[in-house]
PDB file of N, CA and C in Angstrom:
ATOM      1  N   MET A   1     136.455  46.225  95.622  1.00  0.00           N
ATOM      2  CA  MET A   1     135.182  45.811  94.472  1.00  0.00           C
ATOM      3  C   MET A   1     134.204  45.413  96.031  1.00  0.00           C
ATOM      4  N   LYS A   2     132.828  45.454  95.459  1.00  0.00           N
ATOM      5  CA  LYS A   2     131.362  45.646  95.152  1.00  0.00           C
ATOM      6  C   LYS A   2     131.166  43.595  95.028  1.00  0.00           C
ATOM      7  N   ARG A   3     131.214  43.014  96.654  1.00  0.00           N
ATOM      8  CA  ARG A   3     130.668  41.759  96.688  1.00  0.00           C
ATOM      9  C   ARG A   3     129.725  41.502  97.965  1.00  0.00           C
ATOM     10  N   ARG A   4     129.130  40.786  97.864  1.00  0.00           N
ATOM     11  CA  ARG A   4     128.488  39.649  98.274  1.00  0.00           C
ATOM     12  C   ARG A   4     128.271  39.539  99.732  1.00  0.00           C
ATOM     13  N   ILE A   5     127.729  39.640 100.924  1.00  0.00           N
ATOM     14  CA  ILE A   5     127.995  38.310 101.819  1.00  0.00           C
ATOM     15  C   ILE A   5     127.216  37.056 101.692  1.00  0.00           C
ATOM     16  N   VAL A   6     128.044  36.107 102.011  1.00  0.00           N
ATOM     17  CA  VAL A   6     127.468  33.992 101.620  1.00  0.00           C
ATOM     18  C   VAL A   6     127.292  34.609 103.260  1.00  0.00           C
ATOM     19  N   GLY A   7     127.086  34.559 104.207  1.00  0.00           N
ATOM     20  CA  GLY A   7     127.716  33.854 105.620  1.00  0.00           C
ATOM     21  C   GLY A   7     129.036  34.554 106.480  1.00  0.00           C
ATOM     22  N   PHE A   8     128.877  33.653 107.173  1.00  0.00           N
ATOM     23  CA  PHE A   8     129.610  35.140 108.414  1.00  0.00           C
ATOM     24  C   PHE A   8     129.849  33.057 109.442  1.00  0.00           C
ATOM     25  N   HIS A   9     130.673  33.611 109.950  1.00  0.00           N
ATOM     26  CA  HIS A   9     131.766  32.711 111.444  1.00  0.00           C
ATOM     27  C   HIS A   9     133.025  34.110 112.436  1.00  0.00           C
ATOM     28  N   ARG A  10     132.865  33.040 113.023  1.00  0.00           N
ATOM     29  CA  ARG A  10     133.457  33.748 113.706  1.00  0.00           C
ATOM     30  C   ARG A  10     135.304  33.464 113.933  1.00  0.00           C
ATOM     31  N   ASP A  11     136.578  34.611 113.994  1.00  0.00           N
ATOM     32  CA  ASP A  11     137.989  34.471 114.146  1.00  0.00           C
ATOM     33  C   ASP A  11     138.006  32.904 115.378  1.00  0.00           C
ATOM     34  N   GLU A  12     139.169  33.428 115.840  1.00  0.00           N
ATOM     35  CA  GLU A  12     139.928  32.568 116.975  1.00  0.00           C
ATOM     36  C   GLU A  12     140.078  33.101 118.231  1.00  0.00           C
ATOM     37  N   THR A  13     139.769  34.945 117.641  1.00  0.00           N
ATOM     38  CA  THR A  13     139.468  36.046 118.578  1.00  0.00           C
ATOM     39  C   THR A  13     138.257  35.991 119.336  1.00  0.00           C
ATOM     40  N   ARG A  14     136.610  35.434 118.500  1.00  0.00           N
ATOM     41  CA  ARG A  14     135.732  35.560 118.757  1.00  0.00           C
ATOM     42  C   ARG A  14     134.787  36.467 117.620  1.00  0.00           C
ATOM     43  N   ASP A  15     135.305  36.939 117.288  1.00  0.00           N
ATOM     44  CA  ASP A  15     134.942  38.671 116.128  1.00  0.00           C
ATOM     45  C   ASP A  15     134.583  38.111 114.791  1.00  0.00           C
ATOM     46  N   TRP A  16     133.174  38.442 114.832  1.00  0.00           N
ATOM     47  CA  TRP A  16     132.552  38.156 113.954  1.00  0.00           C
ATOM     48  C   TRP A  16     133.131  38.791 112.802  1.00  0.00           C
ATOM     49  N   VAL A  17     133.345  37.743 111.605  1.00  0.00           N
ATOM     50  CA  VAL A  17     133.507  37.756 110.217  1.00  0.00           C
ATOM     51  C   VAL A  17     133.001  37.297 109.151  1.00  0.00           C
ATOM     52  N   ALA A  18     132.612  38.047 108.211  1.00  0.00           N
ATOM     53  CA  ALA A  18     131.148  38.171 106.738  1.00  0.00           C
ATOM     54  C   ALA A  18     132.648  37.065 106.426  1.00  0.00           C
ATOM     55  N   ASP A  19     132.085  36.530 105.082  1.00  0.00           N
ATOM     56  CA  ASP A  19     132.641  35.464 104.214  1.00  0.00           C
ATOM     57  C   ASP A  19     131.811  36.516 102.949  1.00  0.00           C
ATOM     58  N   LEU A  20     132.414  36.123 101.682  1.00  0.00           N
ATOM     59  CA  LEU A  20     132.594  37.160 100.901  1.00  0.00           C
ATOM     60  C   LEU A  20     132.912  36.248  99.698  1.00  0.00           C
ATOM     61  N   ASP A  21     130.758  35.943  98.947  1.00  0.00           N
ATOM     62  CA  ASP A  21     130.903  35.213  97.507  1.00  0.00           C
ATOM     63  C   ASP A  21     132.662  35.426  96.429  1.00  0.00           C
ATOM     64  N   CYS A  22     134.295  36.036  96.414  1.00  0.00           N
ATOM     65  CA  CYS A  22     135.053  36.583  96.156  1.00  0.00           C
ATOM     66  C   CYS A  22     135.365  35.644  96.770  1.00  0.00           C
ATOM     67  N   GLY A  23     135.254  34.899  98.083  1.00  0.00           N
ATOM     68  CA  GLY A  23     136.622  33.596  98.374  1.00  0.00           C
ATOM     69  C   GLY A  23     136.842  33.753  99.727  1.00  0.00           C
ATOM     70  N   HIS A  24     137.051  35.802 100.005  1.00  0.00           N
ATOM     71  CA  HIS A  24     137.860  36.530 100.739  1.00  0.00           C
ATOM     72  C   HIS A  24     136.879  36.727 101.737  1.00  0.00           C
ATOM     73  N   ARG A  25     137.522  37.009 103.015  1.00  0.00           N
ATOM     74  CA  ARG A  25     136.186  37.392 104.321  1.00  0.00           C
ATOM     75  C   ARG A  25     136.529  38.681 104.791  1.00  0.00           C
ATOM     76  N   GLN A  26     135.471  39.459 105.064  1.00  0.00           N
ATOM     77  CA  GLN A  26     136.452  40.806 106.504  1.00  0.00           C
ATOM     78  C   GLN A  26     136.257  40.979 107.455  1.00  0.00           C
ATOM     79  N   HIS A  27     136.428  41.426 108.382  1.00  0.00           N
ATOM     80  CA  HIS A  27     136.255  41.696 109.454  1.00  0.00           C
ATOM     81  C   HIS A  27     134.548  42.386 109.862  1.00  0.00           C
ATOM     82  N   VAL A  28     133.509  42.179 110.833  1.00  0.00           N
ATOM     83  CA  VAL A  28     131.936  43.354 110.629  1.00  0.00           C
ATOM     84  C   VAL A  28     132.110  43.138 112.411  1.00  0.00           C
ATOM     85  N   ARG A  29     132.823  43.219 113.225  1.00  0.00           N
ATOM     86  CA  ARG A  29     132.749  43.928 114.412  1.00  0.00           C
ATOM     87  C   ARG A  29     132.482  45.153 114.869  1.00  0.00           C
ATOM     88  N   HIS A  30     131.385  45.149 116.120  1.00  0.00           N
ATOM     89  CA  HIS A  30     130.137  46.056 116.475  1.00  0.00           C
ATOM     90  C   HIS A  30     131.467  46.467 118.077  1.00  0.00           C
ATOM     91  N   ASN A  31     132.061  47.626 117.389  1.00  0.00           N
ATOM     92  CA  ASN A  31     133.194  47.889 119.186  1.00  0.00           C
ATOM     93  C   ASN A  31     133.232  49.361 118.866  1.00  0.00           C
ATOM     94  N   PRO A  32     131.993  49.853 118.929  1.00  0.00           N
ATOM     95  CA  PRO A  32     131.329  51.459 119.465  1.00  0.00           C
ATOM     96  C   PRO A  32     132.628  51.997 120.507  1.00  0.00           C
ATOM     97  N   PRO A  33     133.053  52.827 120.013  1.00  0.00           N
ATOM     98  CA  PRO A  33     132.154  54.455 118.915  1.00  0.00           C
ATOM     99  C   PRO A  33     132.864  54.129 117.702  1.00  0.00           C
ATOM    100  N   TRP A  34     133.967  53.648 116.997  1.00  0.00           N
ATOM    101  CA  TRP A  34     135.084  52.886 116.500  1.00  0.00           C
ATOM    102  C   TRP A  34     134.024  52.407 114.314  1.00  0.00           C
ATOM    103  N   MET A  35     133.414  51.345 115.722  1.00  0.00           N
ATOM    104  CA  MET A  35     132.244  50.610 114.744  1.00  0.00           C
ATOM    105  C   MET A  35     130.506  50.676 115.077  1.00  0.00           C
ATOM    106  N   ASN A  36     129.889  50.690 114.625  1.00  0.00           N
ATOM    107  CA  ASN A  36     128.902  50.710 115.173  1.00  0.00           C
ATOM    108  C   ASN A  36     128.183  49.315 114.184  1.00  0.00           C
ATOM    109  N   ARG A  37     127.715  48.710 114.667  1.00  0.00           N
ATOM    110  CA  ARG A  37     126.728  47.187 114.074  1.00  0.00           C
ATOM    111  C   ARG A  37     126.879  46.536 114.988  1.00  0.00           C
ATOM    112  N   PRO A  38     125.638  46.448 115.688  1.00  0.00           N
ATOM    113  CA  PRO A  38     125.146  46.758 116.621  1.00  0.00           C
ATOM    114  C   PRO A  38     124.271  44.296 116.018  1.00  0.00           C
ATOM    115  N   TRP A  39     124.227  44.359 114.232  1.00  0.00           N
ATOM    116  CA  TRP A  39     123.272  43.915 113.990  1.00  0.00           C
ATOM    117  C   TRP A  39     124.224  42.937 113.826  1.00  0.00           C
ATOM    118  N   VAL A  40     125.684  42.117 114.282  1.00  0.00           N
ATOM    119  CA  VAL A  40     126.661  41.607 113.745  1.00  0.00           C
ATOM    120  C   VAL A  40     126.076  40.176 115.179  1.00  0.00           C
ATOM    121  N   VAL A  41     125.516  40.976 116.343  1.00  0.00           N
ATOM    122  CA  VAL A  41     126.298  39.994 117.214  1.00  0.00           C
ATOM    123  C   VAL A  41     124.724  39.320 117.916  1.00  0.00           C
ATOM    124  N   THR A  42     123.646  39.681 117.036  1.00  0.00           N
ATOM    125  CA  THR A  42     122.522  38.392 116.444  1.00  0.00           C
ATOM    126  C   THR A  42     122.312  38.034 115.556  1.00  0.00           C
ATOM    127  N   ALA A  43     122.191  36.067 115.499  1.00  0.00           N
ATOM    128  CA  ALA A  43     121.793  35.641 114.334  1.00  0.00           C
ATOM    129  C   ALA A  43     120.597  35.809 113.655  1.00  0.00           C
ATOM    130  N   LYS A  44     119.718  37.314 114.222  1.00  0.00           N
ATOM    131  CA  LYS A  44     117.930  37.372 113.011  1.00  0.00           C
ATOM    132  C   LYS A  44     119.548  38.469 112.819  1.00  0.00           C
ATOM    133  N   GLY A  45     120.257  39.375 112.688  1.00  0.00           N
ATOM    134  CA  GLY A  45     120.762  40.939 112.673  1.00  0.00           C
ATOM    135  C   GLY A  45     122.053  40.290 111.641  1.00  0.00           C
ATOM    136  N   ARG A  46     122.692  38.709 111.746  1.00  0.00           N
ATOM    137  CA  ARG A  46     123.291  39.062 110.310  1.00  0.00           C
ATOM    138  C   ARG A  46     122.848  37.944 109.227  1.00  0.00           C
ATOM    139  N   GLU A  47     121.179  37.478 109.784  1.00  0.00           N
ATOM    140  CA  GLU A  47     120.750  36.900 109.053  1.00  0.00           C
ATOM    141  C   GLU A  47     120.100  37.922 107.298  1.00  0.00           C
ATOM    142  N   LYS A  48     120.107  38.781 108.249  1.00  0.00           N
ATOM    143  CA  LYS A  48     119.433  40.233 107.602  1.00  0.00           C
ATOM    144  C   LYS A  48     120.661  40.677 106.679  1.00  0.00           C
ATOM    145  N   PHE A  49     121.815  40.647 107.019  1.00  0.00           N
ATOM    146  CA  PHE A  49     122.529  40.988 106.424  1.00  0.00           C
ATOM    147  C   PHE A  49     122.913  40.671 105.189  1.00  0.00           C
ATOM    148  N   THR A  50     123.227  38.874 105.675  1.00  0.00           N
ATOM    149  CA  THR A  50     123.709  38.203 104.485  1.00  0.00           C
ATOM    150  C   THR A  50     122.357  38.683 103.022  1.00  0.00           C
ATOM    151  N   GLY A  51     123.875  38.611 102.188  1.00  0.00           N
ATOM    152  CA  GLY A  51     123.460  38.619 100.942  1.00  0.00           C
ATOM    153  C   GLY A  51     123.325  40.581 101.121  1.00  0.00           C
ATOM    154  N   SER A  52     123.478  41.215 101.801  1.00  0.00           N
ATOM    155  CA  SER A  52     123.784  42.421 101.426  1.00  0.00           C
ATOM    156  C   SER A  52     125.337  42.141 100.184  1.00  0.00           C
ATOM    157  N   ILE A  53     125.918  43.788 100.827  1.00  0.00           N
ATOM    158  CA  ILE A  53     127.070  44.880  99.653  1.00  0.00           C
ATOM    159  C   ILE A  53     128.082  44.939 100.665  1.00  0.00           C
ATOM    160  N   LEU A  54     129.570  44.231 100.911  1.00  0.00           N
ATOM    161  CA  LEU A  54     130.467  45.540 101.285  1.00  0.00           C
ATOM    162  C   LEU A  54     131.859  45.484 100.233  1.00  0.00           C
ATOM    163  N   ASN A  55     132.251  46.048 100.528  1.00  0.00           N
ATOM    164  CA  ASN A  55     133.490  46.565  99.472  1.00  0.00           C
ATOM    165  C   ASN A  55     134.997  45.637 100.133  1.00  0.00           C
ATOM    166  N   CYS A  56     135.626  44.038  99.407  1.00  0.00           N
ATOM    167  CA  CYS A  56     135.899  44.208  99.491  1.00  0.00           C
ATOM    168  C   CYS A  56     137.704  44.106  98.992  1.00  0.00           C
ATOM    169  N   LYS A  57     138.354  44.845 100.451  1.00  0.00           N
ATOM    170  CA  LYS A  57     140.151  44.816 100.531  1.00  0.00           C
ATOM    171  C   LYS A  57     140.723  44.609 100.014  1.00  0.00           C
ATOM    172  N   VAL A  58     140.434  43.136  99.826  1.00  0.00           N
ATOM    173  CA  VAL A  58     141.574  42.359  99.060  1.00  0.00           C
ATOM    174  C   VAL A  58     141.279  42.333  97.996  1.00  0.00           C
ATOM    175  N   CYS A  59     139.776  42.406  97.246  1.00  0.00           N
ATOM    176  CA  CYS A  59     139.919  42.221  95.725  1.00  0.00           C
ATOM    177  C   CYS A  59     140.513  43.796  95.187  1.00  0.00           C
ATOM    178  N   ASP A  60     139.915  44.805  95.825  1.00  0.00           N
ATOM    179  CA  ASP A  60     140.620  46.342  95.755  1.00  0.00           C
ATOM    180  C   ASP A  60     142.213  45.793  95.339  1.00  0.00           C
ATOM    181  N   GLU A  61     142.954  45.415  96.321  1.00  0.00           N
ATOM    182  CA  GLU A  61     144.315  44.935  96.430  1.00  0.00           C
ATOM    183  C   GLU A  61     144.875  45.064  95.435  1.00  0.00           C
ATOM    184  N   LYS A  62     144.120  43.561  94.880  1.00  0.00           N
ATOM    185  CA  LYS A  62     144.305  42.941  93.412  1.00  0.00           C
ATOM    186  C   LYS A  62     144.421  43.598  91.674  1.00  0.00           C
ATOM    187  N   GLU A  63     143.433  44.150  92.533  1.00  0.00           N
ATOM    188  CA  GLU A  63     142.969  44.811  90.807  1.00  0.00           C
ATOM    189  C   GLU A  63     143.943  45.917  91.126  1.00  0.00           C
ATOM    190  N   SER A  64     144.683  46.492  91.994  1.00  0.00           N
ATOM    191  CA  SER A  64     145.607  47.551  91.652  1.00  0.00           C
ATOM    192  C   SER A  64     146.759  47.607  91.655  1.00  0.00           C
ATOM    193  N   GLU A  65     147.591  46.103  92.019  1.00  0.00           N
ATOM    194  CA  GLU A  65     148.167  45.625  91.505  1.00  0.00           C
ATOM    195  C   GLU A  65     148.760  45.231  89.936  1.00  0.00           C
ATOM    196  N   ALA A  66     147.316  45.002  89.367  1.00  0.00           N
ATOM    197  CA  ALA A  66     146.678  44.520  88.208  1.00  0.00           C
ATOM    198  C   ALA A  66     147.306  45.329  87.467  1.00  0.00           C
ATOM    199  N   GLY A  67     146.842  46.898  87.888  1.00  0.00           N
ATOM    200  CA  GLY A  67     147.013  47.767  87.445  1.00  0.00           C
ATOM    201  C   GLY A  67     146.083  48.520  86.406  1.00  0.00           C
TER     202      GLY A  67
END
């Protein structure tokens, strides 16, 4: 389910996590070559992506369970 990014924080291992408008969270790691998200490592990059859309895996799972 598509959700808007409302902010960012770091987890206990210092990886970046997007805070979504549904209340869930999703990692947005920059870990080339598997995940190429260089924008997440700078404040300006994170600011640019605040308000953009991510697919919330937790919401998708809940929707599937509901049937």
